Amino acid sequence: VQGDHMGMLATVINGLALQSALEDAGIPTRLQS
């Protein structure tokens, strides 16, 4: 359970990184968790 919660946080980190790249390309985004 602890490990899976760590994995969930990892997906949020990746989501933030992808959000930044998309917005750099001029695409409006929303990250939902």
PDB file of all heavy atoms in Angstrom:
ATOM      1  N   VAL A   1       0.835  -1.199   0.000  1.00  0.00           N
ATOM      2  CA  VAL A   1       0.000   0.000   0.000  1.00  0.00           C
ATOM      3  C   VAL A   1       0.875   1.257   0.000  1.00  0.00           C
ATOM      4  O   VAL A   1       0.622   2.208  -0.757  1.00  0.00           O
ATOM      5  CB  VAL A   1      -0.962   0.003   1.205  1.00  0.00           C
ATOM      6  CG1 VAL A   1      -1.727   1.319   1.281  1.00  0.00           C
ATOM      7  CG2 VAL A   1      -1.939  -1.168   1.101  1.00  0.00           C
ATOM      8  N   GLN A   2       1.924   1.249   0.827  1.00  0.00           N
ATOM      9  CA  GLN A   2       2.849   2.381   0.852  1.00  0.00           C
ATOM     10  C   GLN A   2       3.516   2.564  -0.514  1.00  0.00           C
ATOM     11  O   GLN A   2       3.635   3.681  -1.019  1.00  0.00           O
ATOM     12  CB  GLN A   2       3.931   2.160   1.914  1.00  0.00           C
ATOM     13  CG  GLN A   2       3.429   2.170   3.353  1.00  0.00           C
ATOM     14  CD  GLN A   2       3.048   3.569   3.815  1.00  0.00           C
ATOM     15  OE1 GLN A   2       1.939   4.030   3.561  1.00  0.00           O
ATOM     16  NE2 GLN A   2       3.963   4.242   4.473  1.00  0.00           N
ATOM     17  N   GLY A   3       3.934   1.451  -1.084  1.00  0.00           N
ATOM     18  CA  GLY A   3       4.586   1.507  -2.390  1.00  0.00           C
ATOM     19  C   GLY A   3       3.675   2.062  -3.464  1.00  0.00           C
ATOM     20  O   GLY A   3       4.096   2.874  -4.301  1.00  0.00           O
ATOM     21  N   ASP A   4       2.418   1.640  -3.447  1.00  0.00           N
ATOM     22  CA  ASP A   4       1.471   2.132  -4.449  1.00  0.00           C
ATOM     23  C   ASP A   4       1.190   3.622  -4.272  1.00  0.00           C
ATOM     24  O   ASP A   4       1.018   4.353  -5.255  1.00  0.00           O
ATOM     25  CB  ASP A   4       0.171   1.338  -4.393  1.00  0.00           C
ATOM     26  CG  ASP A   4       0.275  -0.003  -5.108  1.00  0.00           C
ATOM     27  OD1 ASP A   4       1.322  -0.257  -5.727  1.00  0.00           O
ATOM     28  OD2 ASP A   4      -0.685  -0.782  -5.050  1.00  0.00           O
ATOM     29  N   HIS A   5       1.139   4.076  -3.023  1.00  0.00           N
ATOM     30  CA  HIS A   5       0.957   5.511  -2.802  1.00  0.00           C
ATOM     31  C   HIS A   5       2.156   6.303  -3.335  1.00  0.00           C
ATOM     32  O   HIS A   5       1.994   7.391  -3.903  1.00  0.00           O
ATOM     33  CB  HIS A   5       0.743   5.801  -1.313  1.00  0.00           C
ATOM     34  CG  HIS A   5      -0.652   5.514  -0.856  1.00  0.00           C
ATOM     35  ND1 HIS A   5      -0.938   4.774   0.273  1.00  0.00           N
ATOM     36  CD2 HIS A   5      -1.859   5.839  -1.391  1.00  0.00           C
ATOM     37  CE1 HIS A   5      -2.254   4.669   0.421  1.00  0.00           C
ATOM     38  NE2 HIS A   5      -2.828   5.306  -0.577  1.00  0.00           N
ATOM     39  N   MET A   6       3.354   5.758  -3.182  1.00  0.00           N
ATOM     40  CA  MET A   6       4.545   6.401  -3.760  1.00  0.00           C
ATOM     41  C   MET A   6       4.441   6.445  -5.278  1.00  0.00           C
ATOM     42  O   MET A   6       4.791   7.449  -5.912  1.00  0.00           O
ATOM     43  CB  MET A   6       5.804   5.653  -3.325  1.00  0.00           C
ATOM     44  CG  MET A   6       6.099   5.767  -1.838  1.00  0.00           C
ATOM     45  SD  MET A   6       7.409   4.651  -1.290  1.00  0.00           S
ATOM     46  CE  MET A   6       8.841   5.384  -2.111  1.00  0.00           C
ATOM     47  N   GLY A   7       3.929   5.353  -5.870  1.00  0.00           N
ATOM     48  CA  GLY A   7       3.734   5.327  -7.315  1.00  0.00           C
ATOM     49  C   GLY A   7       2.721   6.355  -7.782  1.00  0.00           C
ATOM     50  O   GLY A   7       2.895   6.979  -8.839  1.00  0.00           O
ATOM     51  N   MET A   8       1.665   6.568  -6.994  1.00  0.00           N
ATOM     52  CA  MET A   8       0.673   7.596  -7.344  1.00  0.00           C
ATOM     53  C   MET A   8       1.310   8.977  -7.375  1.00  0.00           C
ATOM     54  O   MET A   8       1.038   9.782  -8.275  1.00  0.00           O
ATOM     55  CB  MET A   8      -0.473   7.578  -6.331  1.00  0.00           C
ATOM     56  CG  MET A   8      -1.365   6.360  -6.386  1.00  0.00           C
ATOM     57  SD  MET A   8      -2.590   6.434  -5.050  1.00  0.00           S
ATOM     58  CE  MET A   8      -2.861   4.693  -4.750  1.00  0.00           C
ATOM     59  N   LEU A   9       2.159   9.252  -6.388  1.00  0.00           N
ATOM     60  CA  LEU A   9       2.844  10.545  -6.363  1.00  0.00           C
ATOM     61  C   LEU A   9       3.775  10.691  -7.569  1.00  0.00           C
ATOM     62  O   LEU A   9       3.921  11.781  -8.123  1.00  0.00           O
ATOM     63  CB  LEU A   9       3.634  10.700  -5.062  1.00  0.00           C
ATOM     64  CG  LEU A   9       2.779  10.817  -3.792  1.00  0.00           C
ATOM     65  CD1 LEU A   9       3.671  10.774  -2.549  1.00  0.00           C
ATOM     66  CD2 LEU A   9       1.964  12.103  -3.806  1.00  0.00           C
ATOM     67  N   ALA A  10       4.384   9.580  -7.986  1.00  0.00           N
ATOM     68  CA  ALA A  10       5.253   9.611  -9.173  1.00  0.00           C
ATOM     69  C   ALA A  10       4.464  10.013 -10.418  1.00  0.00           C
ATOM     70  O   ALA A  10       4.954  10.762 -11.268  1.00  0.00           O
ATOM     71  CB  ALA A  10       5.914   8.252  -9.381  1.00  0.00           C
ATOM     72  N   THR A  11       3.205   9.553 -10.519  1.00  0.00           N
ATOM     73  CA  THR A  11       2.409   9.923 -11.693  1.00  0.00           C
ATOM     74  C   THR A  11       2.062  11.408 -11.672  1.00  0.00           C
ATOM     75  O   THR A  11       1.930  12.030 -12.732  1.00  0.00           O
ATOM     76  CB  THR A  11       1.098   9.104 -11.786  1.00  0.00           C
ATOM     77  OG1 THR A  11       0.212   9.481 -10.734  1.00  0.00           O
ATOM     78  CG2 THR A  11       1.367   7.613 -11.730  1.00  0.00           C
ATOM     79  N   VAL A  12       1.921  11.974 -10.478  1.00  0.00           N
ATOM     80  CA  VAL A  12       1.657  13.419 -10.390  1.00  0.00           C
ATOM     81  C   VAL A  12       2.893  14.197 -10.833  1.00  0.00           C
ATOM     82  O   VAL A  12       2.792  15.208 -11.539  1.00  0.00           O
ATOM     83  CB  VAL A  12       1.232  13.818  -8.962  1.00  0.00           C
ATOM     84  CG1 VAL A  12       1.077  15.329  -8.855  1.00  0.00           C
ATOM     85  CG2 VAL A  12      -0.080  13.134  -8.590  1.00  0.00           C
ATOM     86  N   ILE A  13       4.075  13.737 -10.432  1.00  0.00           N
ATOM     87  CA  ILE A  13       5.324  14.378 -10.868  1.00  0.00           C
ATOM     88  C   ILE A  13       5.413  14.354 -12.399  1.00  0.00           C
ATOM     89  O   ILE A  13       5.711  15.374 -13.039  1.00  0.00           O
ATOM     90  CB  ILE A  13       6.544  13.671 -10.247  1.00  0.00           C
ATOM     91  CG1 ILE A  13       6.585  13.911  -8.738  1.00  0.00           C
ATOM     92  CG2 ILE A  13       7.848  14.159 -10.905  1.00  0.00           C
ATOM     93  CD1 ILE A  13       7.632  13.084  -8.007  1.00  0.00           C
ATOM     94  N   ASN A  14       5.139  13.198 -12.996  1.00  0.00           N
ATOM     95  CA  ASN A  14       5.160  13.099 -14.459  1.00  0.00           C
ATOM     96  C   ASN A  14       4.095  13.989 -15.092  1.00  0.00           C
ATOM     97  O   ASN A  14       4.318  14.592 -16.146  1.00  0.00           O
ATOM     98  CB  ASN A  14       4.946  11.651 -14.892  1.00  0.00           C
ATOM     99  CG  ASN A  14       6.183  10.799 -14.737  1.00  0.00           C
ATOM    100  OD1 ASN A  14       7.302  11.310 -14.671  1.00  0.00           O
ATOM    101  ND2 ASN A  14       5.999   9.494 -14.665  1.00  0.00           N
ATOM    102  N   GLY A  15       2.937  14.064 -14.440  1.00  0.00           N
ATOM    103  CA  GLY A  15       1.872  14.929 -14.946  1.00  0.00           C
ATOM    104  C   GLY A  15       2.280  16.389 -14.956  1.00  0.00           C
ATOM    105  O   GLY A  15       1.993  17.132 -15.904  1.00  0.00           O
ATOM    106  N   LEU A  16       2.970  16.813 -13.902  1.00  0.00           N
ATOM    107  CA  LEU A  16       3.466  18.198 -13.844  1.00  0.00           C
ATOM    108  C   LEU A  16       4.477  18.463 -14.950  1.00  0.00           C
ATOM    109  O   LEU A  16       4.472  19.528 -15.582  1.00  0.00           O
ATOM    110  CB  LEU A  16       4.094  18.470 -12.476  1.00  0.00           C
ATOM    111  CG  LEU A  16       3.122  18.633 -11.304  1.00  0.00           C
ATOM    112  CD1 LEU A  16       3.879  18.541  -9.975  1.00  0.00           C
ATOM    113  CD2 LEU A  16       2.396  19.966 -11.397  1.00  0.00           C
ATOM    114  N   ALA A  17       5.357  17.486 -15.186  1.00  0.00           N
ATOM    115  CA  ALA A  17       6.368  17.645 -16.233  1.00  0.00           C
ATOM    116  C   ALA A  17       5.714  17.742 -17.609  1.00  0.00           C
ATOM    117  O   ALA A  17       6.070  18.598 -18.432  1.00  0.00           O
ATOM    118  CB  ALA A  17       7.353  16.473 -16.190  1.00  0.00           C
ATOM    119  N   LEU A  18       4.728  16.886 -17.865  1.00  0.00           N
ATOM    120  CA  LEU A  18       4.031  16.918 -19.154  1.00  0.00           C
ATOM    121  C   LEU A  18       3.215  18.195 -19.295  1.00  0.00           C
ATOM    122  O   LEU A  18       3.166  18.794 -20.373  1.00  0.00           O
ATOM    123  CB  LEU A  18       3.125  15.692 -19.277  1.00  0.00           C
ATOM    124  CG  LEU A  18       2.387  15.530 -20.599  1.00  0.00           C
ATOM    125  CD1 LEU A  18       3.360  15.452 -21.773  1.00  0.00           C
ATOM    126  CD2 LEU A  18       1.493  14.281 -20.559  1.00  0.00           C
ATOM    127  N   GLN A  19       2.603  18.632 -18.208  1.00  0.00           N
ATOM    128  CA  GLN A  19       1.846  19.884 -18.227  1.00  0.00           C
ATOM    129  C   GLN A  19       2.742  21.050 -18.627  1.00  0.00           C
ATOM    130  O   GLN A  19       2.370  21.889 -19.455  1.00  0.00           O
ATOM    131  CB  GLN A  19       1.236  20.134 -16.854  1.00  0.00           C
ATOM    132  CG  GLN A  19       0.400  21.414 -16.787  1.00  0.00           C
ATOM    133  CD  GLN A  19      -0.200  21.634 -15.409  1.00  0.00           C
ATOM    134  OE1 GLN A  19       0.456  21.408 -14.386  1.00  0.00           O
ATOM    135  NE2 GLN A  19      -1.455  22.064 -15.361  1.00  0.00           N
ATOM    136  N   SER A  20       3.934  21.100 -18.055  1.00  0.00           N
ATOM    137  CA  SER A  20       4.876  22.174 -18.373  1.00  0.00           C
ATOM    138  C   SER A  20       5.263  22.150 -19.852  1.00  0.00           C
ATOM    139  O   SER A  20       5.296  23.191 -20.521  1.00  0.00           O
ATOM    140  CB  SER A  20       6.128  22.036 -17.499  1.00  0.00           C
ATOM    141  OG  SER A  20       7.079  23.023 -17.822  1.00  0.00           O
ATOM    142  N   ALA A  21       5.536  20.943 -20.380  1.00  0.00           N
ATOM    143  CA  ALA A  21       5.923  20.818 -21.794  1.00  0.00           C
ATOM    144  C   ALA A  21       4.787  21.231 -22.718  1.00  0.00           C
ATOM    145  O   ALA A  21       5.005  21.913 -23.728  1.00  0.00           O
ATOM    146  CB  ALA A  21       6.348  19.378 -22.086  1.00  0.00           C
ATOM    147  N   LEU A  22       3.562  20.853 -22.372  1.00  0.00           N
ATOM    148  CA  LEU A  22       2.411  21.216 -23.195  1.00  0.00           C
ATOM    149  C   LEU A  22       2.175  22.722 -23.185  1.00  0.00           C
ATOM    150  O   LEU A  22       1.897  23.328 -24.224  1.00  0.00           O
ATOM    151  CB  LEU A  22       1.156  20.488 -22.696  1.00  0.00           C
ATOM    152  CG  LEU A  22       1.114  18.972 -22.943  1.00  0.00           C
ATOM    153  CD1 LEU A  22      -0.012  18.335 -22.152  1.00  0.00           C
ATOM    154  CD2 LEU A  22       0.961  18.672 -24.430  1.00  0.00           C
ATOM    155  N   GLU A  23       2.310  23.329 -22.020  1.00  0.00           N
ATOM    156  CA  GLU A  23       2.087  24.775 -21.942  1.00  0.00           C
ATOM    157  C   GLU A  23       3.202  25.549 -22.636  1.00  0.00           C
ATOM    158  O   GLU A  23       2.952  26.614 -23.190  1.00  0.00           O
ATOM    159  CB  GLU A  23       1.919  25.179 -20.479  1.00  0.00           C
ATOM    160  CG  GLU A  23       0.598  24.643 -19.911  1.00  0.00           C
ATOM    161  CD  GLU A  23       0.311  25.084 -18.487  1.00  0.00           C
ATOM    162  OE1 GLU A  23       1.244  25.538 -17.795  1.00  0.00           O
ATOM    163  OE2 GLU A  23      -0.863  24.954 -18.072  1.00  0.00           O
ATOM    164  N   ASP A  24       4.416  24.997 -22.633  1.00  0.00           N
ATOM    165  CA  ASP A  24       5.500  25.611 -23.409  1.00  0.00           C
ATOM    166  C   ASP A  24       5.179  25.600 -24.899  1.00  0.00           C
ATOM    167  O   ASP A  24       5.634  26.461 -25.650  1.00  0.00           O
ATOM    168  CB  ASP A  24       6.828  24.869 -23.164  1.00  0.00           C
ATOM    169  CG  ASP A  24       7.448  25.233 -21.825  1.00  0.00           C
ATOM    170  OD1 ASP A  24       7.013  26.224 -21.201  1.00  0.00           O
ATOM    171  OD2 ASP A  24       8.367  24.511 -21.384  1.00  0.00           O
ATOM    172  N   ALA A  25       4.380  24.610 -25.313  1.00  0.00           N
ATOM    173  CA  ALA A  25       3.978  24.498 -26.724  1.00  0.00           C
ATOM    174  C   ALA A  25       2.714  25.311 -27.018  1.00  0.00           C
ATOM    175  O   ALA A  25       2.193  25.270 -28.126  1.00  0.00           O
ATOM    176  CB  ALA A  25       3.750  23.033 -27.084  1.00  0.00           C
ATOM    177  N   GLY A  26       2.228  26.042 -26.001  1.00  0.00           N
ATOM    178  CA  GLY A  26       1.073  26.906 -26.199  1.00  0.00           C
ATOM    179  C   GLY A  26      -0.271  26.227 -26.021  1.00  0.00           C
ATOM    180  O   GLY A  26      -1.291  26.738 -26.489  1.00  0.00           O
ATOM    181  N   ILE A  27      -0.280  25.081 -25.342  1.00  0.00           N
ATOM    182  CA  ILE A  27      -1.519  24.331 -25.152  1.00  0.00           C
ATOM    183  C   ILE A  27      -2.041  24.553 -23.730  1.00  0.00           C
ATOM    184  O   ILE A  27      -1.324  24.295 -22.763  1.00  0.00           O
ATOM    185  CB  ILE A  27      -1.280  22.823 -25.365  1.00  0.00           C
ATOM    186  CG1 ILE A  27      -0.661  22.564 -26.739  1.00  0.00           C
ATOM    187  CG2 ILE A  27      -2.577  22.042 -25.202  1.00  0.00           C
ATOM    188  CD1 ILE A  27      -0.117  21.162 -26.899  1.00  0.00           C
ATOM    189  N   PRO A  28      -3.275  25.024 -23.573  1.00  0.00           N
ATOM    190  CA  PRO A  28      -3.843  25.165 -22.225  1.00  0.00           C
ATOM    191  C   PRO A  28      -4.096  23.799 -21.603  1.00  0.00           C
ATOM    192  O   PRO A  28      -4.548  22.875 -22.301  1.00  0.00           O
ATOM    193  CB  PRO A  28      -5.149  25.933 -22.456  1.00  0.00           C
ATOM    194  CG  PRO A  28      -5.517  25.628 -23.872  1.00  0.00           C
ATOM    195  CD  PRO A  28      -4.227  25.444 -24.626  1.00  0.00           C
ATOM    196  N   THR A  29      -3.787  23.650 -20.336  1.00  0.00           N
ATOM    197  CA  THR A  29      -3.920  22.342 -19.678  1.00  0.00           C
ATOM    198  C   THR A  29      -4.544  22.472 -18.297  1.00  0.00           C
ATOM    199  O   THR A  29      -4.582  23.563 -17.719  1.00  0.00           O
ATOM    200  CB  THR A  29      -2.548  21.671 -19.501  1.00  0.00           C
ATOM    201  OG1 THR A  29      -1.795  22.407 -18.531  1.00  0.00           O
ATOM    202  CG2 THR A  29      -1.779  21.588 -20.797  1.00  0.00           C
ATOM    203  N   ARG A  30      -4.982  21.340 -17.797  1.00  0.00           N
ATOM    204  CA  ARG A  30      -5.363  21.203 -16.401  1.00  0.00           C
ATOM    205  C   ARG A  30      -4.856  19.851 -15.916  1.00  0.00           C
ATOM    206  O   ARG A  30      -4.992  18.846 -16.625  1.00  0.00           O
ATOM    207  CB  ARG A  30      -6.887  21.273 -16.205  1.00  0.00           C
ATOM    208  CG  ARG A  30      -7.495  22.638 -16.443  1.00  0.00           C
ATOM    209  CD  ARG A  30      -7.042  23.677 -15.420  1.00  0.00           C
ATOM    210  NE  ARG A  30      -7.735  24.946 -15.592  1.00  0.00           N
ATOM    211  CZ  ARG A  30      -7.352  25.914 -16.402  1.00  0.00           C
ATOM    212  NH1 ARG A  30      -6.259  25.740 -17.152  1.00  0.00           N
ATOM    213  NH2 ARG A  30      -8.042  27.041 -16.488  1.00  0.00           N
ATOM    214  N   LEU A  31      -4.253  19.851 -14.744  1.00  0.00           N
ATOM    215  CA  LEU A  31      -3.822  18.607 -14.112  1.00  0.00           C
ATOM    216  C   LEU A  31      -4.790  18.290 -12.990  1.00  0.00           C
ATOM    217  O   LEU A  31      -4.982  19.106 -12.081  1.00  0.00           O
ATOM    218  CB  LEU A  31      -2.398  18.749 -13.565  1.00  0.00           C
ATOM    219  CG  LEU A  31      -1.847  17.579 -12.738  1.00  0.00           C
ATOM    220  CD1 LEU A  31      -1.798  16.300 -13.556  1.00  0.00           C
ATOM    221  CD2 LEU A  31      -0.454  17.917 -12.190  1.00  0.00           C
ATOM    222  N   GLN A  32      -5.419  17.121 -13.067  1.00  0.00           N
ATOM    223  CA  GLN A  32      -6.337  16.689 -12.015  1.00  0.00           C
ATOM    224  C   GLN A  32      -5.776  15.441 -11.350  1.00  0.00           C
ATOM    225  O   GLN A  32      -5.249  14.555 -12.016  1.00  0.00           O
ATOM    226  CB  GLN A  32      -7.730  16.397 -12.583  1.00  0.00           C
ATOM    227  CG  GLN A  32      -8.434  17.633 -13.113  1.00  0.00           C
ATOM    228  CD  GLN A  32      -9.919  17.400 -13.334  1.00  0.00           C
ATOM    229  OE1 GLN A  32     -10.399  16.276 -13.409  1.00  0.00           O
ATOM    230  NE2 GLN A  32     -10.670  18.483 -13.440  1.00  0.00           N
ATOM    231  N   SER A  33      -5.890  15.392 -10.031  1.00  0.00           N
ATOM    232  CA  SER A  33      -5.325  14.274  -9.275  1.00  0.00           C
ATOM    233  C   SER A  33      -6.410  13.519  -8.530  1.00  0.00           C
ATOM    234  O   SER A  33      -7.355  14.111  -7.993  1.00  0.00           O
ATOM    235  CB  SER A  33      -4.280  14.795  -8.282  1.00  0.00           C
ATOM    236  OG  SER A  33      -3.835  13.753  -7.433  1.00  0.00           O
TER     237      SER A  33
END
